[in-house]
């Protein structure tokens, strides 16, 4: 044991100042208050650093010891501080920095055994190399801490215990080598040594985009990957890559529906219905015997699997009386039957649905009366009526909230949006007899935003799910933020899934105006606009990967 005397010479006859009877406490002192070992690669170790412990008191210390607390990155490689240390003597401790993980490390070299003992603050930085060995063309790999981005193979030193890599632009990556799964499709690395990763493949959120001068009013699938788009300028068919197949200009249309064999029924504001084949050629045209006020209606055109087209018209005047007229057209455009629905002085349609096989028809509406004195409209009731294929009413139920959409099994969904930031909505799902399956609302503090549109699958082979889209409103303003869409659950419960956000390329806001499932693979076609409804910049149509609705990002 090494001992070095602090008192090599005692003057003869001098009094003994530190005898056993002194009341001074024993003290152990380390010669450095702190030490930084610098930067070292994980898996290596630094050179030894010498620390001297001195018994700076007049008393012997019977049991001295040294230890490192709060970190496994520092190691005592040797020590002569073994129990006894006489007054005025020293012992030595040698310490190495040997980090098992990347990042900043700190610890305390602590000496014990006396009533007053010292400690030294230790610190060091460890790094590990991260090698990104492959990046597909058009993609990039970015560190989650923003420390680096690679558009080709790269190598970076990382000074953290863990790091998550993300592929960009936003999409669906395929990682290999050292990656562990992480949220949002990330690659999680535990940096206990140098790591090698590969981004083997990457696919974007949406497969193509088409810009338009106006946002779509309706998007629908024609089958075989083809899509039909209806906007204020007319009707356009796109193929599976977004390339235009044909286009028909007109400006007086209200609604569009696609039959199960790919024919397109188009409702005009005057109540005329024109049906086209999948190549845009007219099959037939129907003109109602009475004029229509259909421009005030929503969700007023649907089709069943037999090819029949169901039309809900508002007839009359909002200034006097207005009734709803439901009529059914055969696949040849011949009227099969019709019925008038009148629940008040002024009737507005809320929705129209038909069971896939045409077995039952559902009509939603709102009735008002006009106040004799003020001439204001006074709410009477909201209702849903179930009818047979011949138009006979089976039941009418009231207290319907908002517009109503119907599944192909006759279940009905209504959504009422909250326009105040952060948005969100109240929704209700009822069975085919009008019984409530659930009433729920999204979290008032989470949004995801204002609901501008919602849709249910139009294919009977797809399970009914609620797909919503809309826009964010920036806090304290009416300014549009990002557009968004998401799967919001099924008949069992409201269950918001991953939110897909849409940013404007010009930073001027965005919104989603129309949605549709395109095929059994659940690709989603999304139509919307950049800017705002009051200040439109342009419209867009995008075909999104089916994983968009289920994968956290």
Protein backbone atom coordinates (compact mmCIF):
# COMPACT_ATOMS: atom_id res chain seq x y z
CA UNK A 1 0.00 0.00 0.00
CA UNK A 2 1.32 3.36 -1.03
CA UNK A 3 1.49 5.94 1.72
CA UNK A 4 3.11 9.36 1.37
CA UNK A 5 3.74 11.41 4.49
CA UNK A 6 2.62 15.01 4.51
CA UNK A 7 4.95 15.75 7.45
CA UNK A 8 8.51 14.58 6.58
CA UNK A 9 10.15 16.73 9.23
CA UNK A 10 9.02 17.34 12.82
CA UNK A 11 10.82 20.09 14.67
CA UNK A 12 12.43 18.83 17.84
CA UNK A 13 10.58 20.04 20.85
CA UNK A 14 7.59 21.30 18.84
CA UNK A 15 4.24 20.54 20.43
CA UNK A 16 2.17 17.66 18.92
CA UNK A 17 -0.73 19.49 17.18
CA UNK A 18 -2.69 16.52 15.81
CA UNK A 19 -2.66 13.97 18.57
CA UNK A 20 -5.37 11.39 19.18
CA UNK A 21 -7.17 13.69 21.58
CA UNK A 22 -7.86 16.39 18.95
CA UNK A 23 -11.51 17.17 18.29
CA UNK A 24 -10.92 17.89 14.57
CA UNK A 25 -12.91 15.53 12.24
CA UNK A 26 -11.06 13.17 9.99
CA UNK A 27 -11.17 14.25 6.31
CA UNK A 28 -10.51 12.51 3.01
CA UNK A 29 -9.84 14.72 0.02
CA UNK A 30 -9.56 13.82 -3.70
CA UNK A 31 -7.09 15.97 -5.58
CA UNK A 32 -9.52 16.93 -8.41
CA UNK A 33 -13.06 18.22 -8.07
CA UNK A 34 -14.02 17.16 -11.62
CA UNK A 35 -12.60 15.55 -14.71
CA UNK A 36 -13.80 15.27 -18.34
CA UNK A 37 -12.53 12.19 -20.19
CA UNK A 38 -13.48 13.69 -23.54
CA UNK A 39 -15.01 11.78 -26.45
CA UNK A 40 -14.56 8.05 -27.06
CA UNK A 41 -16.16 5.50 -29.35
CA UNK A 42 -18.54 3.00 -27.78
CA UNK A 43 -16.72 -0.28 -27.13
CA UNK A 44 -13.35 1.38 -26.52
CA UNK A 45 -11.90 2.80 -23.32
CA UNK A 46 -9.88 5.85 -22.41
CA UNK A 47 -6.42 5.92 -20.90
CA UNK A 48 -6.31 5.58 -17.11
CA UNK A 49 -6.60 8.74 -15.09
CA UNK A 50 -4.90 8.98 -11.70
CA UNK A 51 -6.77 10.43 -8.72
CA UNK A 52 -5.02 10.89 -5.36
CA UNK A 53 -6.91 10.56 -2.10
CA UNK A 54 -5.34 12.35 0.89
CA UNK A 55 -6.11 11.94 4.55
CA UNK A 56 -5.99 15.63 5.42
CA UNK A 57 -6.78 15.20 9.08
CA UNK A 58 -4.76 14.45 12.20
CA UNK A 59 -6.51 11.11 12.57
CA UNK A 60 -5.89 7.76 10.98
CA UNK A 61 -8.79 6.41 8.89
CA UNK A 62 -9.40 2.80 9.68
CA UNK A 63 -11.64 1.93 6.70
CA UNK A 64 -11.23 4.02 3.54
CA UNK A 65 -12.93 2.97 0.27
CA UNK A 66 -13.60 4.45 -3.16
CA UNK A 67 -16.47 3.77 -5.59
CA UNK A 68 -18.15 5.14 -8.72
CA UNK A 69 -21.83 6.02 -8.43
CA UNK A 70 -24.61 6.62 -10.99
CA UNK A 71 -23.00 5.24 -14.14
CA UNK A 72 -21.58 2.04 -15.59
CA UNK A 73 -19.53 4.03 -18.13
CA UNK A 74 -16.62 4.58 -15.71
CA UNK A 75 -14.47 1.81 -14.28
CA UNK A 76 -11.94 1.73 -11.43
CA UNK A 77 -9.01 -0.11 -12.98
CA UNK A 78 -6.80 -0.11 -9.85
CA UNK A 79 -6.77 1.30 -6.34
CA UNK A 80 -4.37 1.49 -3.39
CA UNK A 81 -7.11 2.91 -1.19
CA UNK A 82 -7.67 -0.30 0.72
CA UNK A 83 -9.12 0.23 4.17
CA UNK A 84 -6.48 1.84 6.46
CA UNK A 85 -5.02 5.27 5.66
CA UNK A 86 -2.83 6.97 8.24
CA UNK A 87 -3.07 10.66 9.02
CA UNK A 88 -1.33 12.78 6.42
CA UNK A 89 -0.94 9.88 3.96
CA UNK A 90 -2.19 9.42 0.40
CA UNK A 91 -3.53 6.57 -1.73
CA UNK A 92 -4.17 6.35 -5.48
CA UNK A 93 -7.16 5.41 -7.69
CA UNK A 94 -7.00 4.88 -11.44
CA UNK A 95 -10.22 5.31 -13.49
CA UNK A 96 -11.08 4.62 -17.14
CA UNK A 97 -13.99 5.75 -19.27
CA UNK A 98 -15.41 2.64 -21.02
CA UNK A 99 -18.88 3.57 -22.33
CA UNK A 100 -21.30 0.74 -23.19
CA UNK A 101 -23.76 3.15 -24.91
CA UNK A 102 -23.52 6.37 -26.85
CA UNK A 103 -24.28 9.72 -25.31
CA UNK A 104 -23.16 11.96 -22.49
CA UNK A 105 -22.21 10.12 -19.29
CA UNK A 106 -21.60 11.49 -15.82
CA UNK A 107 -20.82 9.89 -12.49
CA UNK A 108 -19.25 10.56 -9.10
CA UNK A 109 -15.96 9.15 -7.85
CA UNK A 110 -16.73 8.91 -4.18
CA UNK A 111 -14.43 8.24 -1.21
CA UNK A 112 -15.84 7.02 2.08
CA UNK A 113 -14.59 6.08 5.52
CA UNK A 114 -14.25 9.42 7.29
CA UNK A 115 -16.72 11.82 8.80
CA UNK A 116 -15.83 14.30 6.07
CA UNK A 117 -15.24 12.80 2.61
CA UNK A 118 -14.76 14.19 -0.88
CA UNK A 119 -16.17 13.31 -4.33
CA UNK A 120 -15.13 14.06 -7.89
CA UNK A 121 -17.53 14.70 -10.77
CA UNK A 122 -16.68 12.56 -13.81
CA UNK A 123 -17.99 13.03 -17.31
CA UNK A 124 -17.37 11.79 -20.82
CA UNK A 125 -19.02 11.56 -24.22
CA UNK A 126 -19.48 8.36 -26.21
CA UNK A 127 -20.30 8.05 -29.88
CA UNK A 128 -21.17 5.21 -32.23
CA UNK A 129 -21.01 5.16 -36.00
CA UNK A 130 -24.28 4.81 -37.92
CA UNK A 131 -23.81 3.59 -41.48
CA UNK A 132 -26.78 4.00 -43.85
CA UNK A 133 -25.85 1.61 -46.63
CA UNK A 134 -28.71 2.18 -49.10
CA UNK A 135 -31.28 4.88 -49.89
CA UNK A 136 -33.76 4.36 -52.79
CA UNK A 137 -33.95 7.10 -55.45
CA UNK A 138 -36.26 9.93 -54.45
CA UNK A 139 -36.13 9.02 -50.76
CA UNK A 140 -34.08 10.29 -47.86
CA UNK A 141 -33.13 9.07 -44.40
CA UNK A 142 -33.28 11.59 -41.58
CA UNK A 143 -32.28 11.28 -37.94
CA UNK A 144 -35.14 11.90 -35.56
CA UNK A 145 -33.04 14.41 -33.62
CA UNK A 146 -32.39 16.41 -36.83
CA UNK A 147 -28.65 15.78 -36.56
CA UNK A 148 -28.29 14.55 -40.17
CA UNK A 149 -30.09 13.68 -43.38
CA UNK A 150 -28.88 11.32 -46.12
CA UNK A 151 -30.07 11.15 -49.74
CA UNK A 152 -27.43 8.52 -50.52
CA UNK A 153 -25.32 6.10 -48.44
CA UNK A 154 -23.71 7.97 -45.56
CA UNK A 155 -21.89 7.56 -42.25
CA UNK A 156 -22.38 9.69 -39.13
CA UNK A 157 -21.15 9.68 -35.55
CA UNK A 158 -24.08 9.67 -33.12
CA UNK A 159 -23.74 10.74 -29.51
CA UNK A 160 -26.91 9.22 -28.10
CA UNK A 161 -27.91 5.94 -26.48
CA UNK A 162 -30.77 5.51 -28.96
CA UNK A 163 -31.61 7.06 -32.31
CA UNK A 164 -34.65 6.72 -34.55
CA UNK A 165 -34.28 7.11 -38.29
CA UNK A 166 -37.18 8.10 -40.52
CA UNK A 167 -37.67 7.79 -44.26
CA UNK A 168 -38.92 10.75 -46.23
CA UNK A 169 -40.91 12.13 -47.82
CA UNK A 170 -43.70 10.74 -45.65
CA UNK A 171 -44.53 7.23 -46.78
CA UNK A 172 -44.01 3.54 -46.11
CA UNK A 173 -40.39 2.40 -45.65
CA UNK A 174 -38.86 -1.07 -45.59
CA UNK A 175 -35.80 -1.24 -43.31
CA UNK A 176 -33.25 -4.00 -42.72
CA UNK A 177 -30.06 -4.83 -40.81
CA UNK A 178 -29.86 -3.31 -37.32
CA UNK A 179 -33.32 -1.70 -37.28
CA UNK A 180 -35.89 -2.32 -34.60
CA UNK A 181 -39.47 -1.28 -35.26
CA UNK A 182 -40.46 2.22 -34.14
CA UNK A 183 -43.63 4.35 -34.37
CA UNK A 184 -44.36 6.17 -37.63
CA UNK A 185 -42.44 3.58 -39.62
CA UNK A 186 -39.15 4.52 -38.02
CA UNK A 187 -35.95 2.51 -37.56
CA UNK A 188 -34.87 2.37 -33.91
CA UNK A 189 -31.17 1.87 -33.14
CA UNK A 190 -29.73 1.06 -29.73
CA UNK A 191 -26.23 2.46 -29.93
CA UNK A 192 -24.25 -0.11 -27.96
CA UNK A 193 -21.79 -0.17 -30.84
CA UNK A 194 -21.54 0.96 -34.45
CA UNK A 195 -24.66 0.10 -36.46
CA UNK A 196 -25.40 -0.54 -40.10
CA UNK A 197 -28.88 0.00 -41.54
CA UNK A 198 -30.45 -0.09 -44.99
CA UNK A 199 -33.56 1.55 -46.38
CA UNK A 200 -34.39 -1.23 -48.82
CA UNK A 201 -37.58 0.25 -50.24
CA UNK A 202 -39.84 3.23 -49.84
CA UNK A 203 -43.28 4.04 -51.23
CA UNK A 204 -45.01 7.40 -50.83
CA UNK A 205 -48.31 8.00 -49.04
CA UNK A 206 -50.03 8.77 -52.32
CA UNK A 207 -49.24 7.17 -55.65
CA UNK A 208 -50.17 10.11 -57.85
CA UNK A 209 -51.60 13.61 -57.75
CA UNK A 210 -53.59 15.57 -60.32
CA UNK A 211 -54.02 19.33 -59.92
CA UNK A 212 -57.33 20.93 -60.94
CA UNK A 213 -58.63 24.48 -61.20
CA UNK A 214 -61.35 23.65 -58.64
CA UNK A 215 -61.76 21.05 -55.87
CA UNK A 216 -63.83 17.94 -56.66
CA UNK A 217 -67.42 17.79 -55.45
CA UNK A 218 -67.46 14.01 -55.83
CA UNK A 219 -64.87 11.32 -56.51
CA UNK A 220 -65.95 7.73 -57.18
CA UNK A 221 -64.53 4.43 -58.39
CA UNK A 222 -65.47 2.98 -61.78
CA UNK A 223 -63.64 -0.30 -61.13
CA UNK A 224 -60.37 -1.55 -62.61
CA UNK A 225 -58.60 1.33 -60.88
CA UNK A 226 -60.47 3.96 -62.89
CA UNK A 227 -61.88 7.03 -61.16
CA UNK A 228 -64.55 9.55 -62.07
CA UNK A 229 -64.29 13.11 -60.79
CA UNK A 230 -67.13 15.61 -60.62
CA UNK A 231 -66.44 19.31 -60.04
CA UNK A 232 -68.02 22.66 -60.93
CA UNK A 233 -66.60 22.47 -64.46
CA UNK A 234 -67.79 19.02 -65.41
CA UNK A 235 -66.97 15.33 -65.18
CA UNK A 236 -63.60 13.68 -65.82
CA UNK A 237 -62.46 10.06 -65.88
CA UNK A 238 -58.93 9.14 -64.77
CA UNK A 239 -57.14 5.84 -65.23
CA UNK A 240 -55.28 3.96 -62.49
CA UNK A 241 -52.22 6.21 -62.92
CA UNK A 242 -54.16 9.50 -62.78
CA UNK A 243 -54.03 10.09 -66.53
CA UNK A 244 -57.17 11.64 -68.04
CA UNK A 245 -59.27 9.22 -70.11
CA UNK A 246 -62.08 11.58 -71.08
CA UNK A 247 -63.75 14.78 -69.90
CA UNK A 248 -67.24 16.27 -70.30
CA UNK A 249 -67.76 19.98 -69.54
CA UNK A 250 -70.94 21.26 -67.84
CA UNK A 251 -71.73 23.57 -64.93
CA UNK A 252 -75.26 22.73 -63.73
CA UNK A 253 -74.81 19.42 -61.94
CA UNK A 254 -75.55 18.60 -58.30
CA UNK A 255 -74.71 14.95 -57.56
CA UNK A 256 -73.07 11.88 -59.04
CA UNK A 257 -73.50 8.16 -58.37
CA UNK A 258 -71.87 5.09 -59.92
CA UNK A 259 -73.73 1.81 -60.40
CA UNK A 260 -72.14 -1.53 -59.59
CA UNK A 261 -71.54 -2.23 -63.27
CA UNK A 262 -69.68 1.04 -63.79
CA UNK A 263 -72.36 3.33 -65.22
CA UNK A 264 -72.38 6.95 -64.07
CA UNK A 265 -75.66 8.67 -63.12
CA UNK A 266 -75.45 12.45 -62.97
CA UNK A 267 -78.13 14.63 -61.37
CA UNK A 268 -78.54 18.16 -62.70
CA UNK A 269 -79.93 21.08 -60.69
CA UNK A 270 -83.21 21.02 -62.62
CA UNK A 271 -83.79 17.37 -61.64
CA UNK A 272 -82.67 15.86 -64.94
CA UNK A 273 -80.72 12.61 -64.60
CA UNK A 274 -78.26 11.54 -67.30
CA UNK A 275 -76.51 8.18 -67.26
CA UNK A 276 -73.17 7.60 -69.01
CA UNK A 277 -71.19 4.46 -69.65
CA UNK A 278 -67.63 4.11 -68.34
CA UNK A 279 -66.30 5.76 -71.53
CA UNK A 280 -68.42 8.91 -71.11
CA UNK A 281 -71.11 8.08 -73.68
CA UNK A 282 -74.74 8.90 -72.87
CA UNK A 283 -76.91 5.83 -72.16
CA UNK A 284 -80.16 7.59 -71.30
CA UNK A 285 -81.62 10.83 -69.98
CA UNK A 286 -84.59 11.32 -67.64
CA UNK A 287 -86.43 14.64 -67.17
CA UNK A 288 -88.85 14.94 -64.23
CA UNK A 289 -92.38 16.13 -65.07
CA UNK A 290 -92.15 18.85 -62.41
CA UNK A 291 -89.32 21.33 -61.80
CA UNK A 292 -86.92 20.65 -58.94
CA UNK A 293 -85.23 22.75 -56.28
CA UNK A 294 -82.46 20.16 -56.06
CA UNK A 295 -79.70 22.75 -55.62
CA UNK A 296 -80.72 22.89 -51.94
CA UNK A 297 -80.23 19.13 -51.41
CA UNK A 298 -77.34 16.90 -50.42
CA UNK A 299 -76.70 13.16 -50.83
CA UNK A 300 -79.61 12.78 -53.20
CA UNK A 301 -78.47 10.21 -55.73
CA UNK A 302 -77.62 6.54 -55.05
CA UNK A 303 -77.70 3.23 -56.91
CA UNK A 304 -78.34 -0.40 -55.93
CA UNK A 305 -76.64 -3.58 -57.15
CA UNK A 306 -79.41 -4.14 -59.70
CA UNK A 307 -78.51 -0.95 -61.54
CA UNK A 308 -81.49 1.10 -60.36
CA UNK A 309 -80.90 4.79 -59.62
CA UNK A 310 -82.64 6.48 -56.67
CA UNK A 311 -83.18 10.23 -56.81
CA UNK A 312 -84.33 12.53 -54.01
CA UNK A 313 -85.61 15.90 -55.28
CA UNK A 314 -86.80 18.98 -53.44
CA UNK A 315 -89.83 20.38 -55.26
CA UNK A 316 -91.59 23.68 -54.72
CA UNK A 317 -90.28 26.94 -53.30
CA UNK A 318 -88.57 27.83 -50.08
CA UNK A 319 -90.76 30.94 -49.96
CA UNK A 320 -94.04 28.98 -49.90
CA UNK A 321 -93.96 25.19 -49.59
CA UNK A 322 -91.38 22.59 -50.50
CA UNK A 323 -91.75 18.80 -50.43
CA UNK A 324 -89.38 15.91 -51.04
CA UNK A 325 -89.95 13.58 -53.95
CA UNK A 326 -88.25 10.20 -54.11
CA UNK A 327 -88.25 8.46 -57.47
CA UNK A 328 -86.61 5.28 -58.73
CA UNK A 329 -85.26 4.85 -62.26
CA UNK A 330 -84.53 1.50 -63.85
CA UNK A 331 -81.18 0.71 -65.43
CA UNK A 332 -82.77 1.85 -68.73
CA UNK A 333 -83.79 5.23 -67.25
CA UNK A 334 -87.53 4.49 -66.92
CA UNK A 335 -89.36 5.69 -63.81
CA UNK A 336 -90.44 2.66 -61.75
CA UNK A 337 -92.19 4.46 -58.89
CA UNK A 338 -92.15 7.67 -56.91
CA UNK A 339 -93.43 8.99 -53.60
CA UNK A 340 -93.84 12.43 -52.05
CA UNK A 341 -92.59 13.01 -48.49
CA UNK A 342 -94.09 15.95 -46.64
CA UNK A 343 -93.49 16.41 -42.90
CA UNK A 344 -93.91 20.19 -42.72
CA UNK A 345 -94.33 23.36 -44.72
CA UNK A 346 -90.71 23.38 -45.89
CA UNK A 347 -88.82 20.07 -46.27
CA UNK A 348 -85.09 19.71 -46.85
CA UNK A 349 -83.32 16.44 -47.62
CA UNK A 350 -80.67 15.19 -45.18
CA UNK A 351 -79.70 11.98 -46.91
CA UNK A 352 -80.66 9.10 -49.15
CA UNK A 353 -79.72 5.44 -48.84
CA UNK A 354 -80.67 2.08 -50.26
CA UNK A 355 -79.84 -1.45 -49.21
CA UNK A 356 -77.43 -2.94 -51.70
CA UNK A 357 -80.05 -5.34 -53.06
CA UNK A 358 -82.75 -2.64 -53.25
CA UNK A 359 -84.82 -4.28 -50.50
CA UNK A 360 -85.36 -1.06 -48.52
CA UNK A 361 -84.91 2.65 -49.12
CA UNK A 362 -84.08 5.28 -46.47
CA UNK A 363 -84.79 9.00 -46.70
CA UNK A 364 -83.54 11.58 -44.22
CA UNK A 365 -85.03 15.05 -44.02
CA UNK A 366 -85.75 18.14 -41.95
CA UNK A 367 -89.13 19.85 -41.71
CA UNK A 368 -89.75 23.54 -40.97
CA UNK A 369 -92.72 25.88 -40.79
CA UNK A 370 -92.70 29.57 -41.57
CA UNK A 371 -93.59 31.97 -38.78
CA UNK A 372 -96.62 34.01 -39.81
CA UNK A 373 -95.32 37.24 -38.27
CA UNK A 374 -91.57 37.17 -38.86
CA UNK A 375 -91.59 34.80 -41.85
CA UNK A 376 -88.58 33.06 -40.30
CA UNK A 377 -88.24 29.31 -40.65
CA UNK A 378 -89.07 27.48 -37.42
CA UNK A 379 -87.67 23.98 -36.92
CA UNK A 380 -90.30 21.24 -36.65
CA UNK A 381 -88.32 17.98 -36.70
CA UNK A 382 -85.60 15.93 -38.34
CA UNK A 383 -86.52 12.44 -39.45
CA UNK A 384 -85.52 9.25 -41.24
CA UNK A 385 -88.12 7.18 -43.08
CA UNK A 386 -87.76 3.55 -44.14
CA UNK A 387 -89.68 2.51 -47.28
CA UNK A 388 -90.32 -0.67 -49.23
CA UNK A 389 -89.19 -1.00 -52.89
CA UNK A 390 -92.67 0.21 -53.81
CA UNK A 391 -92.42 3.38 -51.72
CA UNK A 392 -94.59 2.26 -48.79
CA UNK A 393 -93.45 3.80 -45.49
CA UNK A 394 -92.54 1.19 -42.85
CA UNK A 395 -91.57 3.64 -40.10
CA UNK A 396 -90.47 7.20 -39.48
CA UNK A 397 -88.08 8.12 -36.66
CA UNK A 398 -87.27 11.61 -35.44
CA UNK A 399 -84.43 13.41 -33.65
CA UNK A 400 -81.86 12.81 -36.37
CA UNK A 401 -78.79 15.03 -35.95
CA UNK A 402 -77.24 16.51 -39.08
CA UNK A 403 -76.87 15.03 -42.55
CA UNK A 404 -77.17 11.26 -42.74
CA UNK A 405 -75.14 8.73 -44.74
CA UNK A 406 -76.24 5.12 -45.16
CA UNK A 407 -74.39 1.84 -45.42
CA UNK A 408 -75.43 -0.81 -47.95
CA UNK A 409 -77.02 -2.74 -45.09
CA UNK A 410 -79.29 0.17 -44.17
CA UNK A 411 -77.35 1.41 -41.16
CA UNK A 412 -77.08 5.18 -40.84
CA UNK A 413 -74.34 7.52 -39.70
CA UNK A 414 -74.53 11.23 -38.90
CA UNK A 415 -71.64 13.58 -38.15
CA UNK A 416 -71.81 17.08 -36.65
CA UNK A 417 -68.53 18.98 -36.80
CA UNK A 418 -67.10 21.34 -34.21
CA UNK A 419 -65.82 24.41 -36.12
CA UNK A 420 -63.75 25.79 -33.22
CA UNK A 421 -60.06 24.82 -32.99
CA UNK A 422 -58.87 22.13 -32.60
CA UNK A 423 -62.10 20.84 -34.19
CA UNK A 424 -63.47 17.32 -33.81
CA UNK A 425 -67.03 16.11 -34.11
CA UNK A 426 -69.99 14.30 -32.61
CA UNK A 427 -71.11 11.18 -34.47
CA UNK A 428 -73.93 8.66 -34.23
CA UNK A 429 -74.27 5.18 -35.77
CA UNK A 430 -77.70 3.49 -35.91
CA UNK A 431 -78.73 0.06 -37.14
CA UNK A 432 -81.11 -0.60 -40.04
CA UNK A 433 -84.12 -0.13 -37.72
CA UNK A 434 -82.94 3.23 -36.43
CA UNK A 435 -81.70 1.95 -33.07
CA UNK A 436 -78.59 3.63 -31.68
CA UNK A 437 -75.44 1.49 -31.80
CA UNK A 438 -73.29 4.32 -30.45
CA UNK A 439 -73.24 8.05 -29.89
CA UNK A 440 -69.77 9.47 -29.29
CA UNK A 441 -67.51 12.42 -29.87
CA UNK A 442 -63.82 12.95 -30.44
CA UNK A 443 -61.69 14.48 -27.73
CA UNK A 444 -62.36 18.21 -27.41
CA UNK A 445 -58.63 18.86 -26.99
CA UNK A 446 -57.33 16.75 -29.88
CA UNK A 447 -59.34 17.58 -33.00
CA UNK A 448 -58.40 16.38 -35.57
CA UNK A 449 -60.14 19.33 -37.25
CA UNK A 450 -63.31 20.51 -38.94
CA UNK A 451 -65.17 17.76 -40.86
CA UNK A 452 -65.94 18.87 -44.42
CA UNK A 453 -66.95 15.47 -45.81
CA UNK A 454 -67.50 11.88 -44.76
CA UNK A 455 -68.23 8.70 -46.67
CA UNK A 456 -68.97 4.99 -46.25
CA UNK A 457 -67.85 2.24 -48.68
CA UNK A 458 -70.00 1.91 -51.79
CA UNK A 459 -68.96 -1.72 -52.34
CA UNK A 460 -70.98 -4.39 -50.50
CA UNK A 461 -67.91 -6.61 -50.14
CA UNK A 462 -66.18 -3.98 -47.97
CA UNK A 463 -66.99 -3.71 -44.27
CA UNK A 464 -68.74 -0.45 -43.47
CA UNK A 465 -66.33 2.08 -41.98
CA UNK A 466 -66.60 5.81 -41.44
CA UNK A 467 -64.06 7.81 -43.42
CA UNK A 468 -63.89 11.54 -42.58
CA UNK A 469 -61.94 14.45 -44.03
CA UNK A 470 -61.73 18.19 -43.62
CA UNK A 471 -59.37 20.96 -42.53
CA UNK A 472 -57.73 22.48 -39.50
CA UNK A 473 -58.54 26.02 -38.41
CA UNK A 474 -55.64 27.92 -36.94
CA UNK A 475 -56.29 29.00 -33.31
CA UNK A 476 -57.91 32.40 -32.94
CA UNK A 477 -58.54 32.80 -36.69
CA UNK A 478 -60.67 31.59 -39.57
CA UNK A 479 -57.49 30.73 -41.48
CA UNK A 480 -57.20 27.22 -42.91
CA UNK A 481 -54.33 25.07 -41.73
CA UNK A 482 -53.67 21.54 -42.97
CA UNK A 483 -56.21 19.30 -44.66
CA UNK A 484 -56.73 15.87 -43.10
CA UNK A 485 -58.55 12.55 -43.42
CA UNK A 486 -58.79 9.39 -41.32
CA UNK A 487 -60.72 6.19 -40.68
CA UNK A 488 -62.95 6.94 -37.68
CA UNK A 489 -64.31 3.51 -36.78
CA UNK A 490 -67.14 1.12 -37.57
CA UNK A 491 -70.53 0.04 -36.20
CA UNK A 492 -68.90 -1.18 -32.98
CA UNK A 493 -67.42 2.15 -31.85
CA UNK A 494 -65.90 5.50 -32.70
CA UNK A 495 -62.20 4.62 -33.02
CA UNK A 496 -60.09 7.35 -34.68
CA UNK A 497 -57.20 5.86 -36.62
CA UNK A 498 -53.99 7.47 -37.83
CA UNK A 499 -54.57 10.98 -39.17
CA UNK A 500 -53.15 11.77 -42.61
CA UNK A 501 -52.44 15.48 -42.98
CA UNK A 502 -52.20 17.39 -46.24
CA UNK A 503 -50.04 20.50 -46.43
CA UNK A 504 -50.44 23.13 -49.08
CA UNK A 505 -47.35 23.45 -51.30
CA UNK A 506 -47.73 27.22 -50.96
CA UNK A 507 -48.37 27.28 -47.22
CA UNK A 508 -51.83 28.79 -47.70
CA UNK A 509 -53.99 26.05 -46.17
CA UNK A 510 -55.74 22.95 -47.51
CA UNK A 511 -58.95 20.98 -47.09
CA UNK A 512 -60.50 17.68 -48.14
CA UNK A 513 -63.78 18.01 -50.04
CA UNK A 514 -64.46 14.43 -51.19
CA UNK A 515 -63.39 10.87 -50.39
CA UNK A 516 -63.92 7.39 -51.82
CA UNK A 517 -62.65 3.85 -51.50
CA UNK A 518 -61.48 2.75 -54.92
CA UNK A 519 -61.28 -1.05 -54.77
CA UNK A 520 -61.07 -4.07 -52.52
CA UNK A 521 -57.50 -3.10 -51.66
CA UNK A 522 -58.98 -0.06 -49.92
CA UNK A 523 -56.97 2.48 -51.85
CA UNK A 524 -58.38 5.88 -51.00
CA UNK A 525 -58.99 8.62 -53.53
CA UNK A 526 -58.95 12.05 -51.93
CA UNK A 527 -60.13 15.28 -53.50
CA UNK A 528 -59.70 18.72 -52.05
CA UNK A 529 -58.35 22.20 -52.43
CA UNK A 530 -55.38 24.37 -51.55
CA UNK A 531 -56.06 27.75 -50.02
CA UNK A 532 -59.55 27.99 -48.51
CA UNK A 533 -63.11 27.89 -49.77
CA UNK A 534 -63.20 31.68 -49.66
CA UNK A 535 -59.80 32.06 -51.33
CA UNK A 536 -59.25 29.03 -53.55
CA UNK A 537 -55.82 28.51 -55.11
CA UNK A 538 -56.41 25.19 -56.89
CA UNK A 539 -57.90 21.74 -56.44
CA UNK A 540 -56.22 18.35 -56.26
CA UNK A 541 -56.95 14.63 -56.51
CA UNK A 542 -54.67 12.03 -54.93
CA UNK A 543 -54.67 8.25 -54.81
CA UNK A 544 -53.43 7.12 -51.38
CA UNK A 545 -51.84 3.82 -50.45
CA UNK A 546 -54.28 1.55 -48.53
CA UNK A 547 -51.87 1.46 -45.57
CA UNK A 548 -52.53 5.17 -45.05
CA UNK A 549 -55.62 4.38 -42.99
CA UNK A 550 -53.95 1.93 -40.62
CA UNK A 551 -50.24 2.67 -40.23
CA UNK A 552 -49.03 5.10 -37.56
CA UNK A 553 -46.77 7.79 -38.97
